[in-house]
C-alpha atoms as a PDB file:
ATOM      1  CA  MET A   1      -4.617  17.244  -6.449  1.00  0.00           C
ATOM      2  CA  LYS A   2      -3.624  19.770  -3.785  1.00  0.00           C
ATOM      3  CA  HIS A   3      -3.526  18.343  -0.463  1.00  0.00           C
ATOM      4  CA  SER A   4      -4.423  21.481   2.509  1.00  0.00           C
ATOM      5  CA  VAL A   5      -1.710  21.323   4.650  1.00  0.00           C
ATOM      6  CA  ALA A   6      -4.720  19.942   7.844  1.00  0.00           C
ATOM      7  CA  ALA A   7      -5.332  17.348   5.881  1.00  0.00           C
ATOM      8  CA  VAL A   8      -1.645  16.851   4.865  1.00  0.00           C
ATOM      9  CA  PHE A   9      -1.441  16.693   8.982  1.00  0.00           C
ATOM     10  CA  ALA A  10      -4.643  14.652   9.545  1.00  0.00           C
ATOM     11  CA  ILE A  11      -3.093  11.606   6.747  1.00  0.00           C
ATOM     12  CA  LEU A  12       0.034  11.685   8.554  1.00  0.00           C
ATOM     13  CA  PHE A  13      -0.084  11.594  12.067  1.00  0.00           C
ATOM     14  CA  LEU A  14      -2.558   9.004  11.453  1.00  0.00           C
ATOM     15  CA  SER A  15      -0.546   6.670   9.085  1.00  0.00           C
ATOM     16  CA  VAL A  16       2.220   6.999  12.336  1.00  0.00           C
ATOM     17  CA  ALA A  17      -0.050   6.122  14.704  1.00  0.00           C
ATOM     18  CA  LEU A  18      -0.618   2.815  11.953  1.00  0.00           C
ATOM     19  CA  SER A  19       2.074   1.838  10.990  1.00  0.00           C
ATOM     20  CA  GLY A  20       6.131   1.389  10.993  1.00  0.00           C
ATOM     21  CA  PHE A  21       5.853   4.303   9.450  1.00  0.00           C
ATOM     22  CA  ALA A  22       7.063   6.755  12.756  1.00  0.00           C
ATOM     23  CA  ALA A  23       6.951  10.543  13.501  1.00  0.00           C
ATOM     24  CA  GLY A  24      10.122  12.470  12.002  1.00  0.00           C
ATOM     25  CA  ARG A  25      11.397   9.400   9.825  1.00  0.00           C
ATOM     26  CA  TYR A  26      10.785  10.259   6.517  1.00  0.00           C
ATOM     27  CA  CYS A  27      11.309  13.765   4.922  1.00  0.00           C
ATOM     28  CA  TRP A  28       8.998  13.506   2.255  1.00  0.00           C
ATOM     29  CA  GLU A  29      10.392  15.602  -1.070  1.00  0.00           C
ATOM     30  CA  SER A  30       8.501  16.148  -4.510  1.00  0.00           C
ATOM     31  CA  ALA A  31       9.684  13.355  -7.410  1.00  0.00           C
ATOM     32  CA  GLY A  32       7.926  15.380  -9.899  1.00  0.00           C
ATOM     33  CA  THR A  33       4.076  14.983 -11.092  1.00  0.00           C
ATOM     34  CA  VAL A  34       3.362  12.072 -13.772  1.00  0.00           C
ATOM     35  CA  ASP A  35       0.385  10.654 -15.250  1.00  0.00           C
ATOM     36  CA  GLY A  36      -1.252  13.444 -13.173  1.00  0.00           C
ATOM     37  CA  CYS A  37      -0.398  11.454 -10.012  1.00  0.00           C
ATOM     38  CA  GLU A  38       1.964  12.848  -7.477  1.00  0.00           C
ATOM     39  CA  LEU A  39       5.413  11.251  -6.685  1.00  0.00           C
ATOM     40  CA  PHE A  40       7.471  11.500  -3.805  1.00  0.00           C
ATOM     41  CA  THR A  41      10.654  10.434  -2.022  1.00  0.00           C
ATOM     42  CA  SER A  42      12.685  10.433   1.267  1.00  0.00           C
ATOM     43  CA  ALA A  43      15.972   9.681   2.261  1.00  0.00           C
ATOM     44  CA  MET A  44      16.423   6.773   5.573  1.00  0.00           C
ATOM     45  CA  ALA A  45      19.074   7.791   7.570  1.00  0.00           C
ATOM     46  CA  GLY A  46      21.377   3.954   8.092  1.00  0.00           C
ATOM     47  CA  ARG A  47      20.630   3.077   4.817  1.00  0.00           C
ATOM     48  CA  PRO A  48      20.754   3.520   1.191  1.00  0.00           C
ATOM     49  CA  TYR A  49      17.099   3.081  -0.422  1.00  0.00           C
ATOM     50  CA  ILE A  50      15.064   5.097  -0.281  1.00  0.00           C
ATOM     51  CA  ALA A  51      11.071   5.433   0.798  1.00  0.00           C
ATOM     52  CA  ALA A  52       8.384   6.780  -1.832  1.00  0.00           C
ATOM     53  CA  LYS A  53       5.619   7.300  -1.543  1.00  0.00           C
ATOM     54  CA  ALA A  54       2.608   7.999  -5.189  1.00  0.00           C
ATOM     55  CA  VAL A  55      -0.535   9.976  -4.265  1.00  0.00           C
ATOM     56  CA  CYS A  56      -3.285   9.427  -7.811  1.00  0.00           C
ATOM     57  CA  ILE A  57      -6.832   9.858  -7.929  1.00  0.00           C
ATOM     58  CA  LEU A  58      -8.749   6.603  -9.356  1.00  0.00           C
ATOM     59  CA  PRO A  59     -11.734   6.733 -11.561  1.00  0.00           C
ATOM     60  CA  ALA A  60     -13.043   3.237  -8.632  1.00  0.00           C
ATOM     61  CA  GLY A  61     -14.848   3.912  -5.898  1.00  0.00           C
ATOM     62  CA  ALA A  62     -13.404   3.198  -2.045  1.00  0.00           C
ATOM     63  CA  ASP A  63     -15.442  -0.090  -1.873  1.00  0.00           C
ATOM     64  CA  VAL A  64     -14.277  -1.968  -5.279  1.00  0.00           C
ATOM     65  CA  LEU A  65     -10.847  -0.980  -4.021  1.00  0.00           C
ATOM     66  CA  GLY A  66     -10.813  -2.897  -0.612  1.00  0.00           C
ATOM     67  CA  VAL A  67     -11.787  -5.943  -2.122  1.00  0.00           C
ATOM     68  CA  VAL A  68      -9.676  -5.749  -4.391  1.00  0.00           C
ATOM     69  CA  LEU A  69      -6.652  -5.135  -0.928  1.00  0.00           C
ATOM     70  CA  LYS A  70      -8.363  -7.668   0.417  1.00  0.00           C
ATOM     71  CA  ASP A  71      -7.557  -9.989  -2.387  1.00  0.00           C
ATOM     72  CA  ILE A  72      -3.771 -10.624  -1.229  1.00  0.00           C
ATOM     73  CA  ALA A  73      -3.204 -14.135  -3.522  1.00  0.00           C
ATOM     74  CA  ALA A  74      -4.170 -10.931  -6.758  1.00  0.00           C
ATOM     75  CA  TYR A  75      -1.235  -8.888  -5.557  1.00  0.00           C
ATOM     76  CA  PRO A  76       1.756 -10.465  -8.589  1.00  0.00           C
ATOM     77  CA  GLN A  77      -0.919  -9.304 -11.537  1.00  0.00           C
ATOM     78  CA  TRP A  78      -0.654  -5.875 -10.148  1.00  0.00           C
ATOM     79  CA  MET A  79       1.754  -4.598  -7.894  1.00  0.00           C
ATOM     80  CA  HIS A  80       4.971  -4.190  -9.019  1.00  0.00           C
ATOM     81  CA  ASP A  81       6.994  -6.924  -9.502  1.00  0.00           C
ATOM     82  CA  CYS A  82       5.753  -8.833  -6.946  1.00  0.00           C
ATOM     83  CA  THR A  83       5.889 -12.364  -8.275  1.00  0.00           C
ATOM     84  CA  GLN A  84       4.287 -14.502  -5.524  1.00  0.00           C
ATOM     85  CA  THR A  85       2.324 -14.548  -2.048  1.00  0.00           C
ATOM     86  CA  LYS A  86       0.895 -16.662   0.426  1.00  0.00           C
ATOM     87  CA  VAL A  87      -1.979 -16.285   3.640  1.00  0.00           C
ATOM     88  CA  LEU A  88      -0.413 -17.793   5.543  1.00  0.00           C
ATOM     89  CA  LYS A  89      -2.901 -17.043   8.737  1.00  0.00           C
ATOM     90  CA  VAL A  90      -5.718 -15.053   9.319  1.00  0.00           C
ATOM     91  CA  VAL A  91      -5.386 -13.617  12.542  1.00  0.00           C
ATOM     92  CA  ASP A  92      -9.617 -12.038  11.628  1.00  0.00           C
ATOM     93  CA  ASP A  93     -11.680 -11.799   9.053  1.00  0.00           C
ATOM     94  CA  GLU A  94     -13.368  -9.044   9.311  1.00  0.00           C
ATOM     95  CA  ASN A  95     -11.255  -6.597  11.132  1.00  0.00           C
ATOM     96  CA  ASP A  96      -9.087  -7.856   8.619  1.00  0.00           C
ATOM     97  CA  VAL A  97      -5.788  -8.689  10.309  1.00  0.00           C
ATOM     98  CA  LEU A  98      -3.396 -11.406   8.014  1.00  0.00           C
ATOM     99  CA  ILE A  99      -0.034 -12.585   8.328  1.00  0.00           C
ATOM    100  CA  PHE A 100       1.445 -13.053   4.814  1.00  0.00           C
ATOM    101  CA  TRP A 101       3.960 -14.260   2.595  1.00  0.00           C
ATOM    102  CA  PHE A 102       5.422 -11.590  -0.665  1.00  0.00           C
ATOM    103  CA  ARG A 103       8.147 -12.648  -2.493  1.00  0.00           C
ATOM    104  CA  GLN A 104       9.764  -9.312  -4.204  1.00  0.00           C
ATOM    105  CA  HIS A 105      11.499 -10.506  -7.919  1.00  0.00           C
ATOM    106  CA  ILE A 106      14.919  -7.839  -8.528  1.00  0.00           C
ATOM    107  CA  ALA A 107      16.501  -7.657 -11.440  1.00  0.00           C
ATOM    108  CA  LEU A 108      20.088  -9.639 -11.612  1.00  0.00           C
ATOM    109  CA  PHE A 109      20.069 -10.566  -8.064  1.00  0.00           C
ATOM    110  CA  SER A 110      17.984 -12.853  -6.100  1.00  0.00           C
ATOM    111  CA  ASP A 111      14.990 -11.847  -4.954  1.00  0.00           C
ATOM    112  CA  ARG A 112      13.796 -10.479  -1.739  1.00  0.00           C
ATOM    113  CA  ASP A 113      11.037 -12.195   0.443  1.00  0.00           C
ATOM    114  CA  MET A 114       8.824 -11.343   3.562  1.00  0.00           C
ATOM    115  CA  VAL A 115       6.726 -12.056   5.767  1.00  0.00           C
ATOM    116  CA  LEU A 116       4.038  -9.395   6.456  1.00  0.00           C
ATOM    117  CA  LYS A 117       1.215  -8.601   8.896  1.00  0.00           C
ATOM    118  CA  SER A 118      -1.617  -6.987   7.859  1.00  0.00           C
ATOM    119  CA  LYS A 119      -4.073  -4.459   9.286  1.00  0.00           C
ATOM    120  CA  THR A 120      -6.480  -1.825   8.434  1.00  0.00           C
ATOM    121  CA  LYS A 121      -7.959   1.061   9.413  1.00  0.00           C
ATOM    122  CA  SER A 122     -11.544   3.144   8.700  1.00  0.00           C
ATOM    123  CA  VAL A 123     -12.032   6.514   9.491  1.00  0.00           C
ATOM    124  CA  PRO A 124     -15.476   7.112   8.737  1.00  0.00           C
ATOM    125  CA  GLU A 125     -16.338  10.947   9.526  1.00  0.00           C
ATOM    126  CA  LYS A 126     -12.887  12.001   6.986  1.00  0.00           C
ATOM    127  CA  GLY A 127     -13.962   8.804   3.823  1.00  0.00           C
ATOM    128  CA  GLN A 128     -10.332   7.800   4.851  1.00  0.00           C
ATOM    129  CA  TYR A 129      -9.229   4.391   4.912  1.00  0.00           C
ATOM    130  CA  PHE A 130      -6.898   2.521   5.239  1.00  0.00           C
ATOM    131  CA  VAL A 131      -4.417  -0.885   4.551  1.00  0.00           C
ATOM    132  CA  HIS A 132      -0.985  -0.749   5.659  1.00  0.00           C
ATOM    133  CA  ALA A 133       1.560  -3.808   6.046  1.00  0.00           C
ATOM    134  CA  ASP A 134       4.709  -4.219   8.161  1.00  0.00           C
ATOM    135  CA  SER A 135       7.546  -6.754   8.588  1.00  0.00           C
ATOM    136  CA  THR A 136       6.643  -9.258  11.823  1.00  0.00           C
ATOM    137  CA  GLU A 137       8.172 -11.856  13.046  1.00  0.00           C
ATOM    138  CA  GLU A 138       5.225 -13.416  14.576  1.00  0.00           C
ATOM    139  CA  LEU A 139       5.178 -16.262  12.041  1.00  0.00           C
ATOM    140  CA  ALA A 140       7.763 -17.607  10.796  1.00  0.00           C
ATOM    141  CA  TYR A 141       7.683 -19.462   7.334  1.00  0.00           C
ATOM    142  CA  ASN A 142      10.550 -20.430   4.800  1.00  0.00           C
ATOM    143  CA  ALA A 143       9.846 -20.700   0.943  1.00  0.00           C
ATOM    144  CA  GLY A 144      12.168 -23.618   0.516  1.00  0.00           C
ATOM    145  CA  LYS A 145      14.094 -21.440  -1.814  1.00  0.00           C
ATOM    146  CA  GLU A 146      16.882 -19.028  -2.087  1.00  0.00           C
ATOM    147  CA  TYR A 147      15.420 -16.110  -1.175  1.00  0.00           C
ATOM    148  CA  VAL A 148      17.081 -13.218   1.368  1.00  0.00           C
ATOM    149  CA  ARG A 149      14.412 -12.260   3.271  1.00  0.00           C
ATOM    150  CA  MET A 150      14.483  -8.702   3.929  1.00  0.00           C
ATOM    151  CA  PRO A 151      15.651  -7.144   6.923  1.00  0.00           C
ATOM    152  CA  SER A 152      12.453  -4.703   7.063  1.00  0.00           C
ATOM    153  CA  PHE A 153       8.995  -3.668   4.907  1.00  0.00           C
ATOM    154  CA  HIS A 154       6.576  -1.445   5.696  1.00  0.00           C
ATOM    155  CA  SER A 155       3.827   0.228   2.781  1.00  0.00           C
ATOM    156  CA  LEU A 156       0.367   1.844   3.554  1.00  0.00           C
ATOM    157  CA  PHE A 157      -2.318   2.299   1.507  1.00  0.00           C
ATOM    158  CA  ILE A 158      -4.895   5.821   1.980  1.00  0.00           C
ATOM    159  CA  LEU A 159      -7.711   6.054   0.616  1.00  0.00           C
ATOM    160  CA  GLU A 160      -9.696   8.812   0.332  1.00  0.00           C
ATOM    161  CA  TRP A 161     -13.589   9.029  -0.649  1.00  0.00           C
ATOM    162  CA  ILE A 162     -13.910  12.216  -3.418  1.00  0.00           C
ATOM    163  CA  ASP A 163     -17.270  10.893  -4.408  1.00  0.00           C
ATOM    164  CA  ARG A 164     -18.707   6.674  -5.079  1.00  0.00           C
ATOM    165  CA  ASN A 165     -17.354   6.404  -8.304  1.00  0.00           C
ATOM    166  CA  THR A 166     -13.856   8.380  -7.254  1.00  0.00           C
ATOM    167  CA  THR A 167     -10.732   7.478  -4.999  1.00  0.00           C
ATOM    168  CA  ARG A 168      -8.207   9.466  -4.377  1.00  0.00           C
ATOM    169  CA  VAL A 169      -5.290   6.839  -3.463  1.00  0.00           C
ATOM    170  CA  THR A 170      -2.218   7.290  -1.782  1.00  0.00           C
ATOM    171  CA  LEU A 171       0.832   4.534  -1.257  1.00  0.00           C
ATOM    172  CA  MET A 172       4.205   4.482   0.482  1.00  0.00           C
ATOM    173  CA  ILE A 173       6.190   2.661   0.807  1.00  0.00           C
ATOM    174  CA  ASP A 174       9.209   2.001   3.175  1.00  0.00           C
ATOM    175  CA  PRO A 175      11.069  -1.080   1.753  1.00  0.00           C
ATOM    176  CA  ASP A 176      14.985  -2.332   3.491  1.00  0.00           C
ATOM    177  CA  LEU A 177      16.614  -5.194   0.681  1.00  0.00           C
ATOM    178  CA  GLY A 178      19.664  -5.568   2.828  1.00  0.00           C
ATOM    179  CA  GLU A 179      23.398  -5.383   1.750  1.00  0.00           C
ATOM    180  CA  GLY A 180      24.680  -6.970  -1.992  1.00  0.00           C
ATOM    181  CA  VAL A 181      21.669  -4.591  -4.047  1.00  0.00           C
ATOM    182  CA  PRO A 182      23.087  -1.294  -5.760  1.00  0.00           C
ATOM    183  CA  SER A 183      21.773   1.348  -4.457  1.00  0.00           C
ATOM    184  CA  GLY A 184      21.363   3.334  -7.396  1.00  0.00           C
ATOM    185  CA  PRO A 185      19.785   1.144  -9.341  1.00  0.00           C
ATOM    186  CA  ALA A 186      17.707  -0.370  -6.514  1.00  0.00           C
ATOM    187  CA  ASN A 187      16.733   2.849  -6.093  1.00  0.00           C
ATOM    188  CA  LYS A 188      14.645   3.808  -9.382  1.00  0.00           C
ATOM    189  CA  THR A 189      12.747   0.964  -9.012  1.00  0.00           C
ATOM    190  CA  ILE A 190      12.026   1.798  -5.540  1.00  0.00           C
ATOM    191  CA  ARG A 191      10.790   5.466  -6.625  1.00  0.00           C
ATOM    192  CA  ILE A 192       8.587   4.517  -9.466  1.00  0.00           C
ATOM    193  CA  THR A 193       6.816   0.915  -8.002  1.00  0.00           C
ATOM    194  CA  PRO A 194       3.797   2.982  -5.718  1.00  0.00           C
ATOM    195  CA  LEU A 195       3.300   5.356  -9.600  1.00  0.00           C
ATOM    196  CA  LYS A 196       3.382   1.300 -11.184  1.00  0.00           C
ATOM    197  CA  THR A 197       1.252  -0.176  -8.426  1.00  0.00           C
ATOM    198  CA  LEU A 198      -0.923   2.358  -8.155  1.00  0.00           C
ATOM    199  CA  LYS A 199      -1.801   2.621 -12.028  1.00  0.00           C
ATOM    200  CA  LYS A 200      -2.077  -1.439 -12.159  1.00  0.00           C
ATOM    201  CA  MET A 201      -4.366  -1.397  -9.671  1.00  0.00           C
ATOM    202  CA  GLU A 202      -6.872   0.951 -11.442  1.00  0.00           C
ATOM    203  CA  GLY A 203      -7.222  -0.979 -13.798  1.00  0.00           C
ATOM    204  CA  MET A 204      -8.206  -4.552 -11.455  1.00  0.00           C
ATOM    205  CA  ALA A 205     -10.699  -2.092  -9.866  1.00  0.00           C
ATOM    206  CA  LYS A 206     -12.912  -2.778 -13.327  1.00  0.00           C
ATOM    207  CA  GLN A 207     -12.230  -6.192 -13.643  1.00  0.00           C
ATOM    208  CA  LYS A 208     -16.100  -7.573 -12.648  1.00  0.00           C
ATOM    209  CA  LYS A 209     -15.358  -9.835 -10.956  1.00  0.00           C
ATOM    210  CA  TYR A 210     -14.292  -7.012  -7.925  1.00  0.00           C
ATOM    211  CA  LEU A 211     -16.962  -4.884  -9.533  1.00  0.00           C
ATOM    212  CA  ASP A 212     -19.719  -7.311  -8.743  1.00  0.00           C
ATOM    213  CA  ALA A 213     -17.900  -8.159  -5.690  1.00  0.00           C
ATOM    214  CA  ALA A 214     -18.338  -5.014  -3.237  1.00  0.00           C
ATOM    215  CA  LYS A 215     -21.614  -4.507  -4.374  1.00  0.00           C
ATOM    216  CA  THR A 216     -22.475  -6.600  -1.339  1.00  0.00           C
ATOM    217  CA  SER A 217     -19.200  -6.624   0.463  1.00  0.00           C
ATOM    218  CA  LYS A 218     -18.342  -4.850   3.779  1.00  0.00           C
ATOM    219  CA  TYR A 219     -16.576  -1.565   2.379  1.00  0.00           C
ATOM    220  CA  ALA A 220     -19.897  -0.883   0.433  1.00  0.00           C
ATOM    221  CA  LYS A 221     -21.090  -0.354   4.131  1.00  0.00           C
ATOM    222  CA  LEU A 222     -18.028   1.921   4.608  1.00  0.00           C
ATOM    223  CA  VAL A 223     -18.497   3.643   1.702  1.00  0.00           C
ATOM    224  CA  GLU A 224     -22.769   4.456   3.036  1.00  0.00           C
ATOM    225  CA  GLN A 225     -20.803   5.245   6.273  1.00  0.00           C
ATOM    226  CA  PHE A 226     -18.292   7.853   4.352  1.00  0.00           C
ATOM    227  CA  ALA A 227     -21.277   9.308   1.737  1.00  0.00           C
ATOM    228  CA  GLY A 228     -23.160  10.854   4.868  1.00  0.00           C
ATOM    229  CA  ALA A 229     -20.762  11.678   6.276  1.00  0.00           C
ATOM    230  CA  LYS A 230     -19.950  14.155   3.672  1.00  0.00           C
ATOM    231  CA  SER A 231     -23.616  14.756   3.460  1.00  0.00           C
ATOM    232  CA  ARG A 232     -23.158  15.846   6.415  1.00  0.00           C
END
């Protein structure tokens, strides 16, 4: 699962343009390989919590994974330690721009929550699809519970075409949990969150409802573009 240097820089350049993963902010270091997935972490200047990344090759089509990612209501079924979500506003359905609320379980401490804005970008000629979610203040939302609002959160999924039934998936997360959570146990959880999330995502992509929905989805058209670009 080795990336060429050019491919890595191309992905990072586009991810910087799309999300909170700002240039020069991350210094990714290998954290080993688990179940065939590559893990990375980055120390974060000015705070005790790390950022984390996992890269896995999943036996699922990019169209199916696109449908899974669009189903925000189902995130608690597969995103590690996500216990509740709620779509607050569909800004642009065609381009998958949404604002949603996300509750994160924190063991032994108050759960965290956040309001996120999700955006997408496709690069058909490279067979890449990007889905990122960043903290936003565009829409206020109070869940009415004693949750602690996270100061900031950024995530980025990168789907890369391998073939119609295989996709390289990268998940990066950069959470600032705020005060009150010891960094030692928190960083252990952050480190494994992308891996556990992607492994559960693989299971979701096997569900019949997603397989069926993908056939007539806009992501199916995107996969056709990926396939055409790769065949040229």
